[in-house]
Amino acid sequence: MKDNFGDGSPVASAAAGVPVPHTYLKPGTLYTITTTAIDSEGSSATRTVYFSTAGSDYTAYGPTRILDTRKGLGAVGPLRSGVPVSLKIAGNGAIPSTASAYAANLTITAPTGSGLIIAYPTGSTRPATSNLNYSKGQTIAGLSQVPADGSGDFTLYNQESAGTVQMIADIFGYYTSY
């Protein structure tokens, strides 16, 4: 796997902890950045992150509920551990399929164990970072900026939970590139 900034430019080598500057030519675009670190013993770890450049227009919308597993909206029943749930955002009202990202309030309620929720573009590699962390019995909410997959979807993934969790998602707005 080649290290890259997601626009075809290679990632230059740098000492640990030293930022590597990069300028993107196209504003308002979602890039997938991949890099591999190799330690002195030859062990390696590859990381992928998603980065949306400045230059997008934000359109406030709603809030519009797109998921409520308690009521069968968007998915029937609670999210199980290790089972991704894809949500179709585009086409909900006036939300366009050309959106590059969504502003979504994600809420967890009635978890039967502890875990975390990851929101990411459908069809992309699941990132290692979470949007919400929760404990058994806790209700918690958080606003997330979730990149879109190009067709108006994103995926929610319940990770590390020993049980299930009820999930609610409300869209507050979306980004489009200009």
N, C-alpha and C. Protein backbone atom coordinates (compact mmCIF):
# COMPACT_ATOMS: atom_id res chain seq x y z
N MET A 1 0.85 -1.18 0.00
CA MET A 1 0.00 0.00 0.00
C MET A 1 0.89 1.23 0.00
N LYS A 2 0.64 2.15 -0.90
CA LYS A 2 1.41 3.38 -0.96
C LYS A 2 0.79 4.42 -0.04
N ASP A 3 1.66 5.12 0.70
CA ASP A 3 1.20 6.23 1.51
C ASP A 3 0.82 7.38 0.60
N ASN A 4 -0.37 7.96 0.84
CA ASN A 4 -0.76 9.08 -0.01
C ASN A 4 -1.74 9.99 0.71
N PHE A 5 -1.90 11.19 0.18
CA PHE A 5 -2.80 12.19 0.74
C PHE A 5 -4.21 12.07 0.16
N GLY A 6 -4.47 11.08 -0.66
CA GLY A 6 -5.80 10.88 -1.22
C GLY A 6 -6.03 11.61 -2.52
N ASP A 7 -5.04 12.38 -2.96
CA ASP A 7 -5.16 13.09 -4.24
C ASP A 7 -4.06 12.68 -5.21
N GLY A 8 -3.42 11.55 -4.90
CA GLY A 8 -2.34 11.06 -5.74
C GLY A 8 -0.96 11.53 -5.32
N SER A 9 -0.90 12.46 -4.36
CA SER A 9 0.38 12.96 -3.88
C SER A 9 0.93 12.03 -2.80
N PRO A 10 2.20 11.65 -2.90
CA PRO A 10 2.77 10.77 -1.88
C PRO A 10 2.99 11.52 -0.57
N VAL A 11 2.89 10.78 0.55
CA VAL A 11 3.19 11.34 1.86
C VAL A 11 4.69 11.27 2.05
N ALA A 12 5.32 12.41 2.29
CA ALA A 12 6.76 12.46 2.51
C ALA A 12 7.09 11.89 3.89
N SER A 13 8.22 11.25 4.02
CA SER A 13 8.65 10.72 5.31
C SER A 13 8.97 11.87 6.25
N ALA A 14 8.65 11.66 7.52
CA ALA A 14 8.95 12.66 8.55
C ALA A 14 9.21 11.95 9.85
N ALA A 15 9.91 12.61 10.74
CA ALA A 15 10.17 12.05 12.06
C ALA A 15 8.86 11.95 12.81
N ALA A 16 8.76 11.01 13.74
CA ALA A 16 7.55 10.82 14.53
C ALA A 16 7.13 12.13 15.20
N GLY A 17 5.85 12.44 15.07
CA GLY A 17 5.31 13.63 15.70
C GLY A 17 5.52 14.91 14.93
N VAL A 18 6.21 14.84 13.79
CA VAL A 18 6.46 16.04 12.98
C VAL A 18 5.39 16.14 11.90
N PRO A 19 4.62 17.23 11.88
CA PRO A 19 3.58 17.36 10.85
C PRO A 19 4.16 17.42 9.44
N VAL A 20 3.42 16.87 8.49
CA VAL A 20 3.82 16.91 7.09
C VAL A 20 2.83 17.83 6.38
N PRO A 21 3.27 19.03 5.97
CA PRO A 21 2.33 19.95 5.31
C PRO A 21 1.92 19.46 3.92
N HIS A 22 0.70 19.80 3.55
CA HIS A 22 0.20 19.43 2.23
C HIS A 22 -0.88 20.41 1.83
N THR A 23 -0.91 20.80 0.57
CA THR A 23 -1.93 21.70 0.05
C THR A 23 -2.74 20.96 -1.00
N TYR A 24 -4.06 20.94 -0.80
CA TYR A 24 -4.95 20.32 -1.78
C TYR A 24 -5.36 21.35 -2.82
N LEU A 25 -5.48 20.90 -4.07
CA LEU A 25 -5.82 21.80 -5.16
C LEU A 25 -7.32 22.00 -5.32
N LYS A 26 -8.12 21.02 -4.88
CA LYS A 26 -9.57 21.10 -5.10
C LYS A 26 -10.29 21.24 -3.76
N PRO A 27 -10.88 22.41 -3.50
CA PRO A 27 -11.60 22.59 -2.24
C PRO A 27 -12.93 21.85 -2.24
N GLY A 28 -13.40 21.55 -1.02
CA GLY A 28 -14.71 20.93 -0.87
C GLY A 28 -14.76 19.48 -1.26
N THR A 29 -13.65 18.78 -1.23
CA THR A 29 -13.58 17.39 -1.63
C THR A 29 -13.18 16.52 -0.45
N LEU A 30 -13.74 15.32 -0.37
CA LEU A 30 -13.39 14.36 0.67
C LEU A 30 -12.21 13.53 0.17
N TYR A 31 -11.14 13.52 0.93
CA TYR A 31 -9.94 12.76 0.58
C TYR A 31 -9.72 11.64 1.59
N THR A 32 -9.20 10.51 1.12
CA THR A 32 -8.84 9.38 1.98
C THR A 32 -7.32 9.37 2.08
N ILE A 33 -6.81 9.64 3.28
CA ILE A 33 -5.37 9.72 3.53
C ILE A 33 -4.92 8.40 4.16
N THR A 34 -3.88 7.81 3.59
CA THR A 34 -3.37 6.54 4.09
C THR A 34 -1.87 6.66 4.33
N THR A 35 -1.43 6.16 5.48
CA THR A 35 0.00 6.14 5.77
C THR A 35 0.33 4.92 6.62
N THR A 36 1.55 4.42 6.47
CA THR A 36 2.03 3.27 7.22
C THR A 36 3.26 3.67 8.01
N ALA A 37 3.24 3.38 9.30
CA ALA A 37 4.39 3.64 10.16
C ALA A 37 5.10 2.32 10.42
N ILE A 38 6.44 2.35 10.37
CA ILE A 38 7.24 1.15 10.62
C ILE A 38 8.21 1.48 11.75
N ASP A 39 8.18 0.65 12.82
CA ASP A 39 9.08 0.92 13.94
C ASP A 39 10.45 0.29 13.71
N SER A 40 11.35 0.48 14.65
CA SER A 40 12.73 0.03 14.50
C SER A 40 12.85 -1.49 14.44
N GLU A 41 11.80 -2.22 14.88
CA GLU A 41 11.83 -3.69 14.83
C GLU A 41 11.16 -4.24 13.58
N GLY A 42 10.70 -3.35 12.71
CA GLY A 42 10.09 -3.77 11.46
C GLY A 42 8.59 -3.98 11.52
N SER A 43 7.96 -3.77 12.69
CA SER A 43 6.51 -3.88 12.80
C SER A 43 5.87 -2.66 12.15
N SER A 44 4.73 -2.88 11.51
CA SER A 44 4.09 -1.75 10.83
C SER A 44 2.63 -1.63 11.24
N ALA A 45 2.11 -0.43 11.09
CA ALA A 45 0.70 -0.15 11.33
C ALA A 45 0.25 0.85 10.27
N THR A 46 -0.85 0.55 9.61
CA THR A 46 -1.39 1.42 8.58
C THR A 46 -2.63 2.11 9.13
N ARG A 47 -2.74 3.41 8.87
CA ARG A 47 -3.89 4.20 9.31
C ARG A 47 -4.52 4.89 8.10
N THR A 48 -5.83 4.95 8.12
CA THR A 48 -6.59 5.65 7.10
C THR A 48 -7.47 6.66 7.79
N VAL A 49 -7.45 7.89 7.32
CA VAL A 49 -8.32 8.94 7.84
C VAL A 49 -8.99 9.64 6.67
N TYR A 50 -10.10 10.28 6.94
CA TYR A 50 -10.84 10.99 5.91
C TYR A 50 -10.75 12.48 6.21
N PHE A 51 -10.52 13.26 5.17
CA PHE A 51 -10.33 14.69 5.33
C PHE A 51 -11.12 15.41 4.25
N SER A 52 -11.96 16.35 4.68
CA SER A 52 -12.71 17.16 3.72
C SER A 52 -12.11 18.55 3.73
N THR A 53 -11.69 19.01 2.57
CA THR A 53 -11.04 20.32 2.47
C THR A 53 -12.07 21.44 2.59
N ALA A 54 -11.60 22.59 2.98
CA ALA A 54 -12.46 23.77 3.05
C ALA A 54 -12.95 24.09 1.65
N GLY A 55 -14.10 24.66 1.57
CA GLY A 55 -14.64 25.02 0.27
C GLY A 55 -16.01 24.41 0.04
N SER A 56 -16.59 23.85 1.07
CA SER A 56 -17.93 23.29 0.95
C SER A 56 -18.94 24.31 1.44
N ASP A 57 -20.12 24.23 0.88
CA ASP A 57 -21.24 25.03 1.37
C ASP A 57 -22.02 24.20 2.36
N TYR A 58 -22.41 24.81 3.48
CA TYR A 58 -23.23 24.13 4.47
C TYR A 58 -24.67 24.61 4.32
N THR A 59 -25.60 23.67 4.30
CA THR A 59 -27.01 23.99 4.25
C THR A 59 -27.68 23.40 5.48
N ALA A 60 -28.23 24.28 6.32
CA ALA A 60 -28.97 23.80 7.49
C ALA A 60 -30.22 23.08 7.01
N TYR A 61 -30.58 22.02 7.70
CA TYR A 61 -31.72 21.22 7.28
C TYR A 61 -32.33 20.56 8.50
N GLY A 62 -33.62 20.66 8.63
CA GLY A 62 -34.31 19.93 9.70
C GLY A 62 -34.23 20.59 11.06
N PRO A 63 -34.11 19.81 12.08
CA PRO A 63 -33.64 18.42 12.09
C PRO A 63 -34.67 17.44 11.51
N THR A 64 -34.12 16.42 10.87
CA THR A 64 -34.94 15.37 10.28
C THR A 64 -34.47 14.03 10.81
N ARG A 65 -35.36 13.30 11.43
CA ARG A 65 -35.01 11.98 11.97
C ARG A 65 -34.93 10.98 10.83
N ILE A 66 -33.78 10.31 10.73
CA ILE A 66 -33.58 9.31 9.68
C ILE A 66 -33.44 7.90 10.25
N LEU A 67 -33.25 7.83 11.58
CA LEU A 67 -33.10 6.52 12.22
C LEU A 67 -33.66 6.58 13.63
N ASP A 68 -34.48 5.61 13.95
CA ASP A 68 -34.92 5.38 15.33
C ASP A 68 -35.22 3.89 15.43
N THR A 69 -34.24 3.14 15.92
CA THR A 69 -34.37 1.68 15.97
C THR A 69 -35.47 1.24 16.92
N ARG A 70 -35.85 2.09 17.86
CA ARG A 70 -36.93 1.76 18.80
C ARG A 70 -38.27 1.68 18.08
N LYS A 71 -38.40 2.44 16.97
CA LYS A 71 -39.67 2.53 16.25
C LYS A 71 -39.61 1.92 14.85
N GLY A 72 -38.47 1.33 14.50
CA GLY A 72 -38.34 0.70 13.18
C GLY A 72 -38.09 1.67 12.05
N LEU A 73 -37.68 2.91 12.36
CA LEU A 73 -37.38 3.89 11.33
C LEU A 73 -35.92 3.76 10.91
N GLY A 74 -35.67 3.39 9.67
CA GLY A 74 -34.31 3.26 9.16
C GLY A 74 -33.67 1.91 9.43
N ALA A 75 -34.06 1.25 10.48
CA ALA A 75 -33.55 -0.08 10.83
C ALA A 75 -34.52 -0.68 11.84
N VAL A 76 -34.74 -1.96 11.73
CA VAL A 76 -35.65 -2.63 12.66
C VAL A 76 -34.85 -3.24 13.79
N GLY A 77 -35.15 -2.84 15.00
CA GLY A 77 -34.51 -3.41 16.18
C GLY A 77 -33.18 -2.76 16.48
N PRO A 78 -32.63 -3.06 17.63
CA PRO A 78 -31.38 -2.44 18.07
C PRO A 78 -30.19 -2.86 17.22
N LEU A 79 -29.14 -2.02 17.24
CA LEU A 79 -27.91 -2.34 16.52
C LEU A 79 -27.15 -3.41 17.31
N ARG A 80 -26.78 -4.47 16.62
CA ARG A 80 -25.99 -5.54 17.24
C ARG A 80 -24.51 -5.27 17.03
N SER A 81 -23.71 -5.79 17.89
CA SER A 81 -22.27 -5.62 17.78
C SER A 81 -21.75 -6.27 16.50
N GLY A 82 -20.89 -5.52 15.79
CA GLY A 82 -20.24 -6.05 14.60
C GLY A 82 -21.09 -6.12 13.36
N VAL A 83 -22.30 -5.55 13.40
CA VAL A 83 -23.19 -5.59 12.23
C VAL A 83 -23.39 -4.16 11.73
N PRO A 84 -22.80 -3.80 10.59
CA PRO A 84 -22.95 -2.44 10.06
C PRO A 84 -24.37 -2.18 9.56
N VAL A 85 -24.85 -0.96 9.77
CA VAL A 85 -26.17 -0.55 9.30
C VAL A 85 -25.97 0.67 8.40
N SER A 86 -26.35 0.53 7.13
CA SER A 86 -26.22 1.61 6.16
C SER A 86 -27.50 2.42 6.14
N LEU A 87 -27.34 3.75 6.17
CA LEU A 87 -28.49 4.65 6.15
C LEU A 87 -28.50 5.45 4.86
N LYS A 88 -29.64 5.49 4.21
CA LYS A 88 -29.82 6.29 3.00
C LYS A 88 -30.24 7.69 3.44
N ILE A 89 -29.38 8.68 3.19
CA ILE A 89 -29.66 10.04 3.60
C ILE A 89 -30.25 10.83 2.44
N ALA A 90 -29.61 10.76 1.29
CA ALA A 90 -30.09 11.48 0.11
C ALA A 90 -31.50 11.03 -0.22
N GLY A 91 -32.34 11.98 -0.57
CA GLY A 91 -33.71 11.65 -0.89
C GLY A 91 -34.65 11.81 0.29
N ASN A 92 -34.11 12.00 1.49
CA ASN A 92 -34.93 12.34 2.64
C ASN A 92 -35.25 13.82 2.52
N GLY A 93 -36.46 14.12 2.09
CA GLY A 93 -36.81 15.52 1.86
C GLY A 93 -35.99 16.08 0.72
N ALA A 94 -35.34 17.22 0.96
CA ALA A 94 -34.57 17.90 -0.08
C ALA A 94 -33.08 17.66 0.03
N ILE A 95 -32.63 16.65 0.75
CA ILE A 95 -31.20 16.38 0.89
C ILE A 95 -30.70 15.76 -0.42
N PRO A 96 -29.74 16.41 -1.08
CA PRO A 96 -29.29 15.93 -2.39
C PRO A 96 -28.30 14.77 -2.30
N SER A 97 -28.24 13.99 -3.36
CA SER A 97 -27.27 12.89 -3.41
C SER A 97 -25.85 13.41 -3.62
N THR A 98 -25.71 14.69 -3.94
CA THR A 98 -24.39 15.28 -4.16
C THR A 98 -23.75 15.79 -2.87
N ALA A 99 -24.40 15.59 -1.73
CA ALA A 99 -23.83 16.04 -0.46
C ALA A 99 -22.50 15.32 -0.22
N SER A 100 -21.52 16.05 0.28
CA SER A 100 -20.21 15.47 0.57
C SER A 100 -20.08 15.03 2.02
N ALA A 101 -20.95 15.56 2.89
CA ALA A 101 -20.95 15.18 4.30
C ALA A 101 -22.26 15.64 4.93
N TYR A 102 -22.54 15.09 6.11
CA TYR A 102 -23.77 15.41 6.83
C TYR A 102 -23.45 15.82 8.26
N ALA A 103 -24.24 16.75 8.79
CA ALA A 103 -24.20 17.08 10.21
C ALA A 103 -25.31 16.27 10.85
N ALA A 104 -24.94 15.33 11.70
CA ALA A 104 -25.92 14.41 12.28
C ALA A 104 -25.77 14.35 13.79
N ASN A 105 -26.88 14.41 14.49
CA ASN A 105 -26.88 14.17 15.93
C ASN A 105 -27.15 12.69 16.12
N LEU A 106 -26.21 11.98 16.71
CA LEU A 106 -26.33 10.55 16.96
C LEU A 106 -26.63 10.34 18.44
N THR A 107 -27.64 9.55 18.74
CA THR A 107 -28.03 9.29 20.12
C THR A 107 -28.08 7.80 20.37
N ILE A 108 -27.50 7.40 21.49
CA ILE A 108 -27.51 6.01 21.96
C ILE A 108 -28.44 5.95 23.15
N THR A 109 -29.27 4.93 23.22
CA THR A 109 -30.09 4.73 24.40
C THR A 109 -30.28 3.23 24.63
N ALA A 110 -30.45 2.86 25.87
CA ALA A 110 -30.72 1.47 26.28
C ALA A 110 -29.66 0.46 25.83
N PRO A 111 -28.36 0.80 25.94
CA PRO A 111 -27.36 -0.21 25.58
C PRO A 111 -27.33 -1.33 26.63
N THR A 112 -27.20 -2.56 26.16
CA THR A 112 -27.15 -3.70 27.08
C THR A 112 -25.71 -4.04 27.48
N GLY A 113 -24.74 -3.30 26.94
CA GLY A 113 -23.33 -3.46 27.30
C GLY A 113 -22.61 -2.17 26.95
N SER A 114 -21.33 -2.12 27.17
CA SER A 114 -20.51 -0.95 26.83
C SER A 114 -19.94 -1.12 25.43
N GLY A 115 -19.67 -0.01 24.75
CA GLY A 115 -19.11 -0.10 23.42
C GLY A 115 -18.93 1.26 22.80
N LEU A 116 -18.88 1.28 21.48
CA LEU A 116 -18.70 2.54 20.77
C LEU A 116 -19.37 2.45 19.40
N ILE A 117 -19.75 3.62 18.88
CA ILE A 117 -20.38 3.72 17.56
C ILE A 117 -19.43 4.46 16.63
N ILE A 118 -19.27 3.93 15.43
CA ILE A 118 -18.45 4.56 14.40
C ILE A 118 -19.36 4.88 13.22
N ALA A 119 -19.33 6.14 12.77
CA ALA A 119 -20.08 6.56 11.58
C ALA A 119 -19.07 6.86 10.48
N TYR A 120 -19.30 6.31 9.28
CA TYR A 120 -18.34 6.48 8.20
C TYR A 120 -19.04 6.30 6.85
N PRO A 121 -18.40 6.73 5.75
CA PRO A 121 -19.02 6.60 4.44
C PRO A 121 -19.23 5.13 4.07
N THR A 122 -20.42 4.78 3.63
CA THR A 122 -20.72 3.41 3.20
C THR A 122 -19.76 3.02 2.08
N GLY A 123 -19.25 1.81 2.17
CA GLY A 123 -18.33 1.31 1.15
C GLY A 123 -16.88 1.67 1.40
N SER A 124 -16.62 2.50 2.41
CA SER A 124 -15.25 2.87 2.75
C SER A 124 -14.73 1.98 3.87
N THR A 125 -13.43 2.02 4.07
CA THR A 125 -12.83 1.30 5.18
C THR A 125 -13.27 1.96 6.48
N ARG A 126 -13.71 1.16 7.42
CA ARG A 126 -14.15 1.67 8.72
C ARG A 126 -12.96 2.28 9.46
N PRO A 127 -13.08 3.54 9.89
CA PRO A 127 -11.97 4.17 10.60
C PRO A 127 -11.80 3.59 12.00
N ALA A 128 -10.67 3.89 12.61
CA ALA A 128 -10.37 3.39 13.94
C ALA A 128 -10.89 4.33 15.04
N THR A 129 -11.45 5.46 14.66
CA THR A 129 -11.94 6.42 15.64
C THR A 129 -13.45 6.32 15.77
N SER A 130 -13.95 6.58 16.98
CA SER A 130 -15.38 6.47 17.23
C SER A 130 -16.05 7.84 17.28
N ASN A 131 -17.36 7.84 17.07
CA ASN A 131 -18.16 9.05 17.19
C ASN A 131 -18.81 9.14 18.57
N LEU A 132 -19.19 8.01 19.13
CA LEU A 132 -19.79 7.95 20.46
C LEU A 132 -19.28 6.74 21.21
N ASN A 133 -18.96 6.93 22.48
CA ASN A 133 -18.60 5.83 23.37
C ASN A 133 -19.70 5.75 24.44
N TYR A 134 -20.07 4.56 24.85
CA TYR A 134 -21.17 4.42 25.80
C TYR A 134 -20.93 3.28 26.78
N SER A 135 -21.64 3.36 27.89
CA SER A 135 -21.62 2.32 28.92
C SER A 135 -23.00 1.71 29.03
N LYS A 136 -23.08 0.54 29.61
CA LYS A 136 -24.34 -0.17 29.78
C LYS A 136 -25.36 0.74 30.47
N GLY A 137 -26.57 0.81 29.87
CA GLY A 137 -27.67 1.57 30.45
C GLY A 137 -27.62 3.07 30.22
N GLN A 138 -26.59 3.59 29.61
CA GLN A 138 -26.40 5.03 29.43
C GLN A 138 -27.15 5.55 28.20
N THR A 139 -27.66 6.78 28.30
CA THR A 139 -28.18 7.49 27.13
C THR A 139 -27.22 8.64 26.87
N ILE A 140 -26.71 8.73 25.65
CA ILE A 140 -25.71 9.74 25.30
C ILE A 140 -25.92 10.18 23.86
N ALA A 141 -25.68 11.47 23.61
CA ALA A 141 -25.83 12.01 22.26
C ALA A 141 -24.61 12.83 21.90
N GLY A 142 -24.36 12.97 20.61
CA GLY A 142 -23.24 13.78 20.14
C GLY A 142 -23.45 14.20 18.70
N LEU A 143 -23.02 15.42 18.39
CA LEU A 143 -23.09 15.92 17.01
C LEU A 143 -21.86 15.44 16.26
N SER A 144 -22.08 14.88 15.08
CA SER A 144 -20.98 14.35 14.26
C SER A 144 -21.06 14.92 12.86
N GLN A 145 -19.91 15.13 12.25
CA GLN A 145 -19.81 15.47 10.84
C GLN A 145 -19.41 14.17 10.15
N VAL A 146 -20.32 13.61 9.37
CA VAL A 146 -20.11 12.30 8.77
C VAL A 146 -19.94 12.44 7.26
N PRO A 147 -18.79 12.03 6.71
CA PRO A 147 -18.61 12.09 5.26
C PRO A 147 -19.62 11.21 4.53
N ALA A 148 -20.02 11.63 3.35
CA ALA A 148 -20.94 10.84 2.52
C ALA A 148 -20.14 9.94 1.59
N ASP A 149 -20.80 8.96 1.00
CA ASP A 149 -20.12 8.00 0.13
C ASP A 149 -20.26 8.31 -1.35
N GLY A 150 -20.87 9.41 -1.71
CA GLY A 150 -21.06 9.76 -3.11
C GLY A 150 -22.43 9.38 -3.64
N SER A 151 -23.15 8.53 -2.91
CA SER A 151 -24.51 8.18 -3.32
C SER A 151 -25.54 8.56 -2.26
N GLY A 152 -25.09 9.26 -1.23
CA GLY A 152 -26.02 9.72 -0.21
C GLY A 152 -26.20 8.77 0.95
N ASP A 153 -25.23 7.93 1.24
CA ASP A 153 -25.32 6.98 2.35
C ASP A 153 -24.19 7.20 3.36
N PHE A 154 -24.42 6.76 4.59
CA PHE A 154 -23.32 6.51 5.52
C PHE A 154 -23.69 5.32 6.38
N THR A 155 -22.70 4.74 7.03
CA THR A 155 -22.87 3.52 7.80
C THR A 155 -22.60 3.77 9.27
N LEU A 156 -23.39 3.11 10.12
CA LEU A 156 -23.16 3.11 11.56
C LEU A 156 -22.71 1.71 11.96
N TYR A 157 -21.73 1.66 12.85
CA TYR A 157 -21.16 0.38 13.26
C TYR A 157 -21.05 0.34 14.78
N ASN A 158 -21.66 -0.65 15.40
CA ASN A 158 -21.62 -0.85 16.85
C ASN A 158 -20.44 -1.79 17.13
N GLN A 159 -19.42 -1.26 17.77
CA GLN A 159 -18.19 -2.03 17.99
C GLN A 159 -17.94 -2.24 19.47
N GLU A 160 -17.40 -3.39 19.80
CA GLU A 160 -16.94 -3.75 21.13
C GLU A 160 -18.05 -3.93 22.15
N SER A 161 -19.29 -3.88 21.73
CA SER A 161 -20.39 -4.07 22.66
C SER A 161 -20.64 -5.55 22.85
N ALA A 162 -20.92 -5.91 24.08
CA ALA A 162 -21.26 -7.29 24.37
C ALA A 162 -22.74 -7.54 24.10
N GLY A 163 -23.47 -6.48 23.78
CA GLY A 163 -24.91 -6.62 23.56
C GLY A 163 -25.40 -5.79 22.40
N THR A 164 -26.53 -5.13 22.61
CA THR A 164 -27.15 -4.32 21.58
C THR A 164 -27.35 -2.89 22.10
N VAL A 165 -27.73 -2.00 21.17
CA VAL A 165 -27.96 -0.61 21.53
C VAL A 165 -29.06 -0.05 20.62
N GLN A 166 -29.95 0.73 21.21
CA GLN A 166 -30.94 1.45 20.42
C GLN A 166 -30.27 2.73 19.92
N MET A 167 -30.57 3.13 18.69
CA MET A 167 -29.88 4.25 18.07
C MET A 167 -30.89 5.18 17.43
N ILE A 168 -30.62 6.48 17.57
CA ILE A 168 -31.43 7.54 16.95
C ILE A 168 -30.46 8.44 16.19
N ALA A 169 -30.83 8.83 14.98
CA ALA A 169 -29.99 9.74 14.20
C ALA A 169 -30.87 10.81 13.57
N ASP A 170 -30.47 12.07 13.78
CA ASP A 170 -31.17 13.21 13.21
C ASP A 170 -30.19 14.00 12.34
N ILE A 171 -30.59 14.34 11.13
CA ILE A 171 -29.77 15.16 10.24
C ILE A 171 -30.10 16.63 10.50
N PHE A 172 -29.05 17.44 10.71
CA PHE A 172 -29.22 18.87 10.96
C PHE A 172 -28.78 19.72 9.76
N GLY A 173 -28.06 19.11 8.84
CA GLY A 173 -27.59 19.84 7.68
C GLY A 173 -26.68 18.98 6.84
N TYR A 174 -26.24 19.56 5.73
CA TYR A 174 -25.35 18.82 4.83
C TYR A 174 -24.41 19.80 4.14
N TYR A 175 -23.32 19.24 3.63
CA TYR A 175 -22.29 20.00 2.93
C TYR A 175 -22.31 19.59 1.46
N THR A 176 -22.14 20.57 0.59
CA THR A 176 -21.96 20.31 -0.84
C THR A 176 -20.74 21.08 -1.30
N SER A 177 -20.03 20.52 -2.26
CA SER A 177 -18.84 21.18 -2.79
C SER A 177 -19.25 22.23 -3.81
N TYR A 178 -18.48 23.29 -3.88
CA TYR A 178 -18.74 24.26 -4.95
C TYR A 178 -17.63 24.27 -5.94
